[in-house]
Amino acid sequence: MNNLIILPILIPLLTGIILIFFQKNIRIQKVISLIAALTGVVIAAIVVQTVHTSGIQTLEIGNWQPPYGIVLVADMYASLLVLATSIIGFTALLFAFYSISEDRERFYFYPGVQFLILGVSGAFFTGDLFNLFVFFEVMLMSSYMLIVLGSSKTQLRESIKYILVNVISSALFVIAVAYLYAVTGTLNMADLSVKIAEMGQSGFLTVIAILFLIIFGLKGAIFPLYFWLPGSYQAPPSVVTALFGALLTKVGVYSITRVYTLIFYHEPGFTHQILAWLAALTIIFGVIGAIAYWDIKKIIIYNIITAVGVILFGIAANTPNAVEGSVYYLVHDMIIKGALFFLVGAIITVTGTSNLRKFSGLIASKPLLGWMFFIATLSLAGIPPLSGFIGKLKIVQGGFEAGEYTIAFVVLLSSLLVLYSVMKIFINGFWGEPSNEAEFKAKSTKGLYVPIAILLALSIAYGFGIEFISPYISQAADTLLDPTIYIQAVLKE
């Protein structure tokens, strides 16, 4: 059964390679992509259930025992994120079938999506820091291609900034990994945890921990390192933005969580306190951006930044409720951000613009689109009993338990401001006097509602099915709170 955990990596790898040979046959590319994505969802679900019943699953590549060989580790935290990634990949393909132009399809859009899913899934499942870097690069190279595909002036301008930032962060990543290896003699995460616990987290190791925070913070878009994200994520089509917003920043968040709960957890008074205040500033500036803009795509993009801050505050607070809340909220945010960007894509398809000042009364011609957006809005803001509520509640509760009253209040206040920022779209864009009603009604949204409906149904089920989901989330949080569970599973100690 352990061999199953390589399949979420192997399936997109082989699929991406096969799709390259069918460049001119778009229909075959779509069929192969969809079958692979659906298979990926099923395999990821089986892995989650296996981890739940049998504990952490590990796979030593080439039978080299850790810490010497490459090891894949599927704990519940990583497994849930791989499942969410597979679902986002599947729904993104469904949305792309009806929204991506043929020019983009012919220039390897579908292989690019497969390699992106490969990089993200590999980053979640890898058990050592160097291979985390490798999977980061696979993910980033795919994203470089997807962000520039179409070659509009805006895309080319923003892609230069995006590539430059990520090249710098990748160079810093290699430097940090080299320093860590020089000090500890290992890069296996479980072994690093043991070695640092034995030798003590010295001042030098704490500096390396902060360096990793900068690196992953650049990729996860925390304050003040988020400057590249709003422009870069606005440039490509909505389906690409949905993939980026739901997946790429979450890999940065996952990496911070993993290293700060497994490796660098010995000086929380310094490392976690810095993380807590950076998280608070990330929330504040994310909310300010979301309120300030009248571009619907940019409003949702700034809400990505806000959510990153909320999740990381839970990790920084480092109490059982806060960590469990972060896991809840991370999975919720992947699902709901995917749904919201698909909704934005559908709105742009109908209206021809993302400027909120240029259309109104859309609900008169597209009522289903309007009410789906309304449900997504409530879920994003954490209105009970939808999926965002329980995670945010636990994060706030954990923040109070940790004595972080100010930042916990910031998280609470952010819920109201997030609700305001997205309700602004609903009130101004869907409500009011209909503009161009006949023209909007004539615009086809064929096929675009299906992936949105899938993700919204999951969000609703996630909120109402809390009793069913709770054991899985608690198991993920237990591994993050107690590093020995992960260490014993990997090193067989």
Protein backbone atom coordinates (compact mmCIF):
# COMPACT_ATOMS: atom_id res chain seq x y z
CA MET A 1 0.00 0.00 0.00
CA ASN A 2 2.97 2.35 0.59
CA ASN A 3 3.61 2.40 -3.18
CA LEU A 4 0.34 4.29 -3.61
CA ILE A 5 1.90 7.51 -2.34
CA ILE A 6 4.11 7.84 -5.42
CA LEU A 7 1.09 7.75 -7.77
CA PRO A 8 -0.06 11.39 -7.17
CA ILE A 9 3.45 12.31 -8.40
CA LEU A 10 3.85 9.65 -11.09
CA ILE A 11 0.43 10.08 -12.77
CA PRO A 12 0.81 13.82 -13.63
CA LEU A 13 4.45 13.22 -14.64
CA LEU A 14 3.60 10.49 -17.17
CA THR A 15 0.44 12.30 -18.30
CA GLY A 16 2.35 15.52 -18.94
CA ILE A 17 4.95 13.69 -21.02
CA ILE A 18 2.29 11.82 -23.05
CA LEU A 19 0.31 15.03 -23.72
CA ILE A 20 3.36 16.66 -25.33
CA PHE A 21 3.09 14.14 -28.19
CA PHE A 22 -0.53 15.14 -28.88
CA GLN A 23 0.12 18.86 -29.32
CA LYS A 24 -2.15 19.21 -32.36
CA ASN A 25 -4.96 16.96 -31.14
CA ILE A 26 -6.73 19.02 -28.48
CA ARG A 27 -9.57 16.52 -28.04
CA ILE A 28 -7.19 13.69 -27.07
CA GLN A 29 -5.33 16.05 -24.72
CA LYS A 30 -8.59 16.89 -22.96
CA VAL A 31 -9.66 13.26 -22.60
CA ILE A 32 -6.26 12.07 -21.29
CA SER A 33 -5.98 15.05 -18.92
CA LEU A 34 -9.44 14.47 -17.47
CA ILE A 35 -8.92 10.73 -16.96
CA ALA A 36 -5.57 11.38 -15.26
CA ALA A 37 -7.03 14.11 -13.03
CA LEU A 38 -10.00 11.98 -11.98
CA THR A 39 -7.67 9.05 -11.26
CA GLY A 40 -5.52 11.40 -9.19
CA VAL A 41 -8.51 12.42 -7.05
CA VAL A 42 -9.41 8.76 -6.39
CA ILE A 43 -5.81 7.79 -5.54
CA ALA A 44 -5.40 10.81 -3.22
CA ALA A 45 -8.65 9.92 -1.43
CA ILE A 46 -7.42 6.33 -0.94
CA VAL A 47 -4.10 7.65 0.46
CA VAL A 48 -5.99 9.86 2.95
CA GLN A 49 -8.09 6.93 4.13
CA THR A 50 -5.01 4.65 4.34
CA VAL A 51 -3.15 7.20 6.48
CA HIS A 52 -6.23 7.58 8.68
CA THR A 53 -6.55 3.85 9.34
CA SER A 54 -2.89 2.72 9.21
CA GLY A 55 -0.87 5.79 10.19
CA ILE A 56 1.84 7.68 8.31
CA GLN A 57 2.92 5.99 5.05
CA THR A 58 6.51 6.20 3.83
CA LEU A 59 8.22 5.10 0.64
CA GLU A 60 12.01 4.75 0.42
CA ILE A 61 13.00 5.29 -3.23
CA GLY A 62 15.47 2.61 -4.34
CA ASN A 63 15.23 0.95 -0.89
CA TRP A 64 17.79 3.39 0.53
CA GLN A 65 16.89 3.80 4.19
CA PRO A 66 16.45 7.34 5.54
CA PRO A 67 18.23 9.58 6.26
CA TYR A 68 20.52 8.51 3.39
CA GLY A 69 17.98 7.92 0.63
CA ILE A 70 15.09 9.82 -0.89
CA VAL A 71 11.91 9.26 1.08
CA LEU A 72 8.29 10.21 0.41
CA VAL A 73 6.19 10.75 3.51
CA ALA A 74 2.38 10.82 3.53
CA ASP A 75 1.20 12.04 6.90
CA MET A 76 -2.39 13.26 7.22
CA TYR A 77 -1.47 16.93 6.74
CA ALA A 78 0.32 16.32 3.43
CA SER A 79 -2.29 13.78 2.29
CA LEU A 80 -5.21 16.18 2.80
CA LEU A 81 -3.39 18.87 0.84
CA VAL A 82 -2.60 16.44 -2.01
CA LEU A 83 -6.30 15.47 -2.12
CA ALA A 84 -7.30 19.15 -2.25
CA THR A 85 -4.67 19.72 -4.99
CA SER A 86 -6.08 16.84 -7.06
CA ILE A 87 -9.63 18.21 -6.74
CA ILE A 88 -8.50 21.73 -7.75
CA GLY A 89 -6.60 20.25 -10.72
CA PHE A 90 -9.66 18.27 -11.84
CA THR A 91 -12.06 21.22 -11.59
CA ALA A 92 -9.55 23.58 -13.25
CA LEU A 93 -9.43 21.27 -16.27
CA LEU A 94 -13.23 21.24 -16.47
CA PHE A 95 -13.23 25.05 -16.37
CA ALA A 96 -10.42 25.29 -18.93
CA PHE A 97 -12.30 23.16 -21.46
CA TYR A 98 -14.83 26.00 -21.85
CA SER A 99 -12.71 29.05 -21.14
CA ILE A 100 -9.18 28.62 -22.53
CA SER A 101 -8.54 29.70 -26.12
CA GLU A 102 -7.37 27.16 -28.69
CA ASP A 103 -4.11 29.08 -29.16
CA ARG A 104 -3.20 28.40 -25.53
CA GLU A 105 -4.36 24.77 -25.75
CA ARG A 106 -2.05 24.16 -28.72
CA PHE A 107 0.94 25.56 -26.85
CA TYR A 108 1.08 22.92 -24.14
CA PHE A 109 -1.45 24.32 -21.66
CA TYR A 110 -2.59 20.85 -20.54
CA PRO A 111 0.95 19.43 -20.06
CA GLY A 112 1.75 22.61 -18.09
CA VAL A 113 -1.16 21.97 -15.72
CA GLN A 114 -0.05 18.35 -15.20
CA PHE A 115 3.54 19.36 -14.38
CA LEU A 116 2.23 22.03 -11.99
CA ILE A 117 0.19 19.41 -10.11
CA LEU A 118 3.28 17.14 -10.11
CA GLY A 119 5.40 19.86 -8.48
CA VAL A 120 2.77 20.76 -5.87
CA SER A 121 2.02 17.13 -4.92
CA GLY A 122 5.73 16.30 -4.75
CA ALA A 123 6.40 19.30 -2.49
CA PHE A 124 3.70 18.08 -0.08
CA PHE A 125 4.93 14.46 -0.01
CA THR A 126 8.72 14.88 0.01
CA GLY A 127 10.55 13.99 3.21
CA ASP A 128 13.73 16.02 2.72
CA LEU A 129 14.54 19.67 2.09
CA PHE A 130 16.60 19.25 -1.07
CA ASN A 131 13.79 17.43 -2.85
CA LEU A 132 11.42 20.11 -1.59
CA PHE A 133 13.61 22.51 -3.57
CA VAL A 134 13.48 20.19 -6.63
CA PHE A 135 9.68 19.99 -6.57
CA PHE A 136 9.49 23.75 -6.01
CA GLU A 137 11.46 24.21 -9.23
CA VAL A 138 9.21 21.82 -11.18
CA MET A 139 6.18 23.74 -9.92
CA LEU A 140 7.75 27.11 -10.71
CA MET A 141 8.89 26.16 -14.23
CA SER A 142 5.33 25.05 -15.01
CA SER A 143 3.96 28.28 -13.58
CA TYR A 144 6.42 30.34 -15.69
CA MET A 145 4.97 28.73 -18.80
CA LEU A 146 1.35 29.13 -17.71
CA ILE A 147 1.74 32.78 -16.70
CA VAL A 148 3.24 33.79 -20.06
CA LEU A 149 1.04 31.61 -22.29
CA GLY A 150 -0.88 33.97 -24.56
CA SER A 151 1.90 36.56 -24.71
CA SER A 152 -0.18 39.64 -23.98
CA LYS A 153 1.75 42.76 -23.00
CA THR A 154 0.56 42.54 -19.38
CA GLN A 155 1.50 38.86 -19.12
CA LEU A 156 5.00 39.46 -20.47
CA ARG A 157 5.57 42.40 -18.12
CA GLU A 158 4.32 40.58 -15.03
CA SER A 159 6.08 37.32 -15.91
CA ILE A 160 9.46 39.08 -15.81
CA LYS A 161 8.76 40.27 -12.25
CA TYR A 162 7.39 36.86 -11.24
CA ILE A 163 10.38 34.96 -12.64
CA LEU A 164 12.91 37.39 -11.13
CA VAL A 165 11.41 37.10 -7.63
CA ASN A 166 11.32 33.31 -7.80
CA VAL A 167 14.85 33.02 -9.18
CA ILE A 168 16.11 35.07 -6.21
CA SER A 169 14.11 32.99 -3.71
CA SER A 170 15.37 29.75 -5.30
CA ALA A 171 18.97 30.96 -5.01
CA LEU A 172 18.38 31.80 -1.34
CA PHE A 173 16.79 28.36 -0.88
CA VAL A 174 19.96 26.62 -2.11
CA ILE A 175 22.12 28.79 0.18
CA ALA A 176 19.92 28.03 3.22
CA VAL A 177 19.95 24.30 2.45
CA ALA A 178 23.76 24.36 2.11
CA TYR A 179 24.20 26.13 5.47
CA LEU A 180 21.82 23.71 7.18
CA TYR A 181 23.64 20.71 5.72
CA ALA A 182 27.01 22.15 6.78
CA VAL A 183 25.80 22.44 10.38
CA THR A 184 23.80 19.19 10.71
CA GLY A 185 25.14 16.84 8.02
CA THR A 186 21.64 15.85 6.88
CA LEU A 187 18.66 17.18 4.90
CA ASN A 188 16.09 14.55 5.80
CA MET A 189 13.41 16.46 7.72
CA ALA A 190 12.90 13.82 10.40
CA ASP A 191 16.66 13.44 10.89
CA LEU A 192 17.08 17.22 10.98
CA SER A 193 14.53 17.37 13.79
CA VAL A 194 16.48 14.77 15.79
CA LYS A 195 19.89 16.39 15.15
CA ILE A 196 18.75 19.90 16.06
CA ALA A 197 17.02 18.61 19.21
CA GLU A 198 20.29 16.90 20.24
CA MET A 199 22.66 19.81 19.49
CA GLY A 200 20.23 22.55 20.52
CA GLN A 201 18.91 25.31 18.27
CA SER A 202 21.87 27.67 18.36
CA GLY A 203 21.76 31.29 17.29
CA PHE A 204 23.15 30.32 13.89
CA LEU A 205 20.38 27.73 13.37
CA THR A 206 17.80 30.32 14.39
CA VAL A 207 19.20 32.67 11.71
CA ILE A 208 18.81 29.81 9.19
CA ALA A 209 15.22 29.36 10.42
CA ILE A 210 14.51 33.04 9.69
CA LEU A 211 16.18 32.67 6.28
CA PHE A 212 13.78 29.82 5.49
CA LEU A 213 10.91 32.06 6.63
CA ILE A 214 12.04 34.70 4.11
CA ILE A 215 12.34 32.09 1.32
CA PHE A 216 9.00 30.43 1.91
CA GLY A 217 7.47 33.81 2.74
CA LEU A 218 8.38 35.01 -0.75
CA LYS A 219 6.68 31.98 -2.24
CA GLY A 220 3.72 32.12 0.15
CA ALA A 221 3.33 35.94 -0.18
CA ILE A 222 3.55 37.07 3.46
CA PHE A 223 4.16 40.70 4.45
CA PRO A 224 6.27 42.46 3.16
CA LEU A 225 7.17 39.90 0.47
CA TYR A 226 3.78 39.79 -1.27
CA PHE A 227 4.51 42.78 -3.56
CA TRP A 228 4.89 40.60 -6.67
CA LEU A 229 1.63 38.66 -6.27
CA PRO A 230 -1.28 41.00 -7.15
CA GLY A 231 0.06 41.97 -10.57
CA SER A 232 1.44 38.56 -11.46
CA TYR A 233 -1.75 36.68 -10.58
CA GLN A 234 -3.95 39.19 -12.42
CA ALA A 235 -2.14 38.79 -15.74
CA PRO A 236 -3.06 35.23 -16.85
CA PRO A 237 -6.59 33.86 -17.55
CA SER A 238 -8.83 33.16 -14.55
CA VAL A 239 -8.31 29.38 -14.65
CA VAL A 240 -4.53 29.87 -14.32
CA THR A 241 -5.05 32.41 -11.52
CA ALA A 242 -7.30 29.85 -9.80
CA LEU A 243 -4.53 27.23 -9.95
CA PHE A 244 -1.95 29.71 -8.68
CA GLY A 245 -4.16 31.17 -5.94
CA ALA A 246 -5.43 27.82 -4.68
CA LEU A 247 -2.11 25.93 -4.90
CA LEU A 248 1.14 27.89 -5.23
CA THR A 249 0.91 30.16 -2.21
CA LYS A 250 -0.29 27.16 -0.18
CA VAL A 251 2.96 25.32 -0.91
CA GLY A 252 4.81 28.25 0.68
CA VAL A 253 2.44 28.12 3.68
CA TYR A 254 2.87 24.34 3.95
CA SER A 255 6.67 24.69 3.87
CA ILE A 256 6.69 27.29 6.67
CA THR A 257 4.35 25.08 8.69
CA ARG A 258 6.47 21.97 8.15
CA VAL A 259 9.83 23.49 9.06
CA TYR A 260 8.46 25.47 12.03
CA THR A 261 6.63 22.50 13.56
CA LEU A 262 9.14 19.75 12.75
CA ILE A 263 12.62 21.31 12.56
CA PHE A 264 12.81 24.83 14.06
CA TYR A 265 10.41 24.61 17.00
CA HIS A 266 12.94 24.98 19.85
CA GLU A 267 12.99 28.81 20.05
CA PRO A 268 9.32 29.77 19.60
CA GLY A 269 9.78 32.93 21.64
CA PHE A 270 11.83 34.29 18.75
CA THR A 271 10.91 32.48 15.52
CA HIS A 272 7.19 32.00 16.16
CA GLN A 273 6.77 35.51 17.57
CA ILE A 274 8.23 37.00 14.39
CA LEU A 275 5.93 34.73 12.37
CA ALA A 276 2.91 35.87 14.41
CA TRP A 277 3.49 39.57 13.76
CA LEU A 278 4.28 39.01 10.09
CA ALA A 279 1.01 37.06 9.87
CA ALA A 280 -0.87 39.97 11.47
CA LEU A 281 0.65 42.48 9.03
CA THR A 282 -0.12 40.13 6.14
CA ILE A 283 -3.79 40.06 7.19
CA ILE A 284 -3.95 43.85 7.56
CA PHE A 285 -2.36 44.67 4.20
CA GLY A 286 -4.32 41.92 2.43
CA VAL A 287 -7.60 43.36 3.75
CA ILE A 288 -6.61 46.93 2.83
CA GLY A 289 -5.89 45.83 -0.75
CA ALA A 290 -9.16 43.89 -1.00
CA ILE A 291 -11.18 46.90 0.17
CA ALA A 292 -9.30 49.46 -1.93
CA TYR A 293 -9.73 47.95 -5.41
CA TRP A 294 -12.73 47.88 -7.75
CA ASP A 295 -11.25 45.17 -9.97
CA ILE A 296 -13.02 41.92 -9.05
CA LYS A 297 -9.99 39.76 -9.82
CA LYS A 298 -7.71 41.90 -7.69
CA ILE A 299 -10.17 41.87 -4.75
CA ILE A 300 -10.01 38.05 -4.64
CA ILE A 301 -6.22 38.08 -5.15
CA TYR A 302 -5.75 40.32 -2.09
CA ASN A 303 -7.98 37.92 -0.15
CA ILE A 304 -5.37 35.22 -0.91
CA ILE A 305 -2.86 37.32 1.05
CA THR A 306 -5.31 37.78 3.94
CA ALA A 307 -5.90 34.02 4.16
CA VAL A 308 -2.15 33.30 4.20
CA GLY A 309 -1.84 35.54 7.26
CA VAL A 310 -4.76 33.84 9.05
CA ILE A 311 -3.34 30.34 8.46
CA LEU A 312 0.18 31.28 9.58
CA PHE A 313 -1.08 32.99 12.73
CA GLY A 314 -2.55 29.62 13.76
CA ILE A 315 0.87 28.01 13.31
CA ALA A 316 2.62 30.84 15.17
CA ALA A 317 0.21 30.60 18.13
CA ASN A 318 1.22 26.91 18.33
CA THR A 319 -1.63 25.69 20.55
CA PRO A 320 -3.69 22.56 19.71
CA ASN A 321 -6.76 24.62 18.76
CA ALA A 322 -4.76 27.11 16.68
CA VAL A 323 -2.86 24.44 14.72
CA GLU A 324 -6.01 22.41 14.13
CA GLY A 325 -7.76 25.59 12.98
CA SER A 326 -4.93 26.29 10.53
CA VAL A 327 -5.32 22.86 8.95
CA TYR A 328 -9.10 23.34 8.70
CA TYR A 329 -8.68 26.79 7.20
CA LEU A 330 -5.93 25.83 4.74
CA VAL A 331 -8.02 23.07 3.12
CA HIS A 332 -11.09 25.36 3.11
CA ASP A 333 -9.14 28.19 1.49
CA MET A 334 -7.82 25.99 -1.33
CA ILE A 335 -11.38 24.94 -2.21
CA ILE A 336 -13.08 28.33 -1.88
CA LYS A 337 -10.35 30.32 -3.67
CA GLY A 338 -10.62 27.92 -6.61
CA ALA A 339 -14.40 28.45 -6.67
CA LEU A 340 -14.10 32.25 -6.41
CA PHE A 341 -11.59 32.56 -9.25
CA PHE A 342 -13.79 30.35 -11.44
CA LEU A 343 -16.73 32.63 -10.56
CA VAL A 344 -14.65 35.68 -11.47
CA GLY A 345 -13.74 33.99 -14.77
CA ALA A 346 -17.44 33.37 -15.49
CA ILE A 347 -18.29 37.01 -14.67
CA ILE A 348 -15.53 38.26 -17.02
CA THR A 349 -16.82 35.90 -19.75
CA VAL A 350 -20.31 37.42 -19.43
CA THR A 351 -19.42 41.10 -18.95
CA GLY A 352 -16.12 41.31 -20.84
CA THR A 353 -14.52 43.24 -17.98
CA SER A 354 -13.21 42.79 -14.44
CA ASN A 355 -13.91 46.45 -13.56
CA LEU A 356 -16.77 46.50 -11.07
CA ARG A 357 -17.75 50.04 -12.09
CA LYS A 358 -18.60 48.90 -15.64
CA PHE A 359 -21.46 46.48 -14.94
CA SER A 360 -24.35 46.02 -12.52
CA GLY A 361 -27.59 44.06 -12.10
CA LEU A 362 -25.97 40.89 -13.42
CA ILE A 363 -28.29 38.73 -11.31
CA ALA A 364 -31.20 39.65 -13.59
CA SER A 365 -29.65 37.83 -16.55
CA LYS A 366 -27.50 35.28 -14.68
CA PRO A 367 -29.30 34.46 -11.39
CA LEU A 368 -27.51 31.12 -10.84
CA LEU A 369 -24.12 32.79 -11.18
CA GLY A 370 -25.22 35.45 -8.68
CA TRP A 371 -26.39 33.07 -5.98
CA MET A 372 -23.36 30.82 -6.37
CA PHE A 373 -21.18 33.89 -5.85
CA PHE A 374 -23.23 34.80 -2.76
CA ILE A 375 -22.65 31.35 -1.20
CA ALA A 376 -18.91 31.56 -1.97
CA THR A 377 -18.82 35.01 -0.36
CA LEU A 378 -20.34 33.74 2.88
CA SER A 379 -17.98 30.76 2.96
CA LEU A 380 -14.89 32.92 2.36
CA ALA A 381 -15.83 35.24 5.23
CA GLY A 382 -16.34 32.30 7.61
CA ILE A 383 -20.09 32.68 8.13
CA PRO A 384 -21.41 29.61 10.01
CA PRO A 385 -22.04 26.83 9.19
CA LEU A 386 -20.01 27.07 5.95
CA SER A 387 -16.45 25.78 5.61
CA GLY A 388 -14.54 28.90 6.69
CA PHE A 389 -16.19 29.17 10.10
CA ILE A 390 -14.72 26.35 12.18
CA GLY A 391 -11.12 26.95 11.10
CA LYS A 392 -11.19 30.66 11.86
CA LEU A 393 -12.99 30.07 15.16
CA LYS A 394 -10.31 27.61 16.33
CA ILE A 395 -7.50 29.92 15.20
CA VAL A 396 -8.99 32.81 17.21
CA GLN A 397 -9.56 30.52 20.21
CA GLY A 398 -5.97 29.26 19.98
CA GLY A 399 -4.71 32.83 19.70
CA PHE A 400 -6.47 33.77 22.94
CA GLU A 401 -5.05 30.64 24.62
CA ALA A 402 -1.55 31.68 23.54
CA GLY A 403 -2.05 35.19 24.93
CA GLU A 404 -1.96 36.79 21.44
CA TYR A 405 -5.08 38.87 22.07
CA THR A 406 -4.23 41.70 19.68
CA ILE A 407 -3.58 39.46 16.66
CA ALA A 408 -6.59 37.26 17.47
CA PHE A 409 -8.70 40.43 17.39
CA VAL A 410 -7.14 41.34 14.02
CA VAL A 411 -8.22 37.92 12.68
CA LEU A 412 -11.77 38.51 13.96
CA LEU A 413 -11.94 42.00 12.47
CA SER A 414 -10.56 40.72 9.16
CA SER A 415 -13.62 38.45 8.78
CA LEU A 416 -15.90 41.49 8.65
CA LEU A 417 -13.65 43.34 6.22
CA VAL A 418 -13.24 40.28 3.99
CA LEU A 419 -17.04 39.95 3.92
CA TYR A 420 -17.32 43.63 3.00
CA SER A 421 -14.74 43.33 0.18
CA VAL A 422 -16.53 40.45 -1.55
CA MET A 423 -20.08 41.66 -0.78
CA LYS A 424 -19.04 44.84 -2.60
CA ILE A 425 -18.82 42.70 -5.74
CA PHE A 426 -22.23 41.13 -5.09
CA ILE A 427 -24.00 44.40 -4.23
CA ASN A 428 -22.49 46.51 -7.02
CA GLY A 429 -22.08 43.87 -9.71
CA PHE A 430 -25.07 41.58 -9.27
CA TRP A 431 -27.57 43.87 -7.55
CA GLY A 432 -28.76 47.28 -8.70
CA GLU A 433 -30.06 48.50 -12.06
CA PRO A 434 -29.27 45.94 -14.82
CA SER A 435 -26.78 47.20 -17.42
CA ASN A 436 -26.58 45.58 -20.88
CA GLU A 437 -29.04 42.89 -19.70
CA ALA A 438 -29.80 41.55 -23.18
CA GLU A 439 -26.11 41.43 -24.07
CA PHE A 440 -25.23 39.63 -20.82
CA LYS A 441 -28.07 37.14 -21.28
CA ALA A 442 -26.78 36.25 -24.75
CA LYS A 443 -23.30 35.42 -23.43
CA SER A 444 -22.89 31.67 -22.94
CA THR A 445 -21.61 30.27 -19.67
CA LYS A 446 -21.89 26.69 -20.93
CA GLY A 447 -19.79 24.30 -18.88
CA LEU A 448 -18.43 27.00 -16.56
CA TYR A 449 -20.92 26.33 -13.75
CA VAL A 450 -20.02 22.64 -13.30
CA PRO A 451 -16.57 23.06 -11.66
CA ILE A 452 -17.91 25.97 -9.58
CA ALA A 453 -20.81 23.82 -8.37
CA ILE A 454 -18.43 20.96 -7.47
CA LEU A 455 -16.23 23.20 -5.31
CA LEU A 456 -19.18 24.97 -3.67
CA ALA A 457 -20.78 21.60 -2.87
CA LEU A 458 -17.49 20.53 -1.27
CA SER A 459 -17.33 23.77 0.71
CA ILE A 460 -20.88 23.28 2.00
CA ALA A 461 -20.22 19.60 2.80
CA TYR A 462 -16.97 20.60 4.55
CA GLY A 463 -18.92 22.96 6.82
CA PHE A 464 -21.91 20.73 7.54
CA GLY A 465 -19.90 17.49 7.74
CA ILE A 466 -17.59 18.70 10.47
CA GLU A 467 -18.13 15.62 12.65
CA PHE A 468 -17.04 13.33 9.81
CA ILE A 469 -14.03 15.46 8.84
CA SER A 470 -12.86 16.29 12.37
CA PRO A 471 -10.92 13.02 13.03
CA TYR A 472 -8.86 13.58 9.85
CA ILE A 473 -8.05 17.19 10.73
CA SER A 474 -7.21 16.25 14.35
CA GLN A 475 -4.85 13.54 13.11
CA ALA A 476 -3.08 16.07 10.87
CA ALA A 477 -2.78 18.55 13.75
CA ASP A 478 -1.44 15.87 16.13
CA THR A 479 1.50 15.22 13.78
CA LEU A 480 2.29 18.94 13.59
CA LEU A 481 2.08 19.36 17.38
CA ASP A 482 4.16 16.26 18.20
CA PRO A 483 7.22 15.87 15.92
CA THR A 484 8.01 12.41 17.36
CA ILE A 485 5.03 10.92 15.47
CA TYR A 486 6.58 11.98 12.16
CA ILE A 487 10.14 11.08 13.22
CA GLN A 488 9.21 7.54 14.34
CA ALA A 489 7.28 6.88 11.14
CA VAL A 490 10.19 7.98 8.91
CA LEU A 491 13.25 6.78 10.85
CA LYS A 492 11.47 3.68 12.26
CA GLU A 493 12.81 4.51 15.72
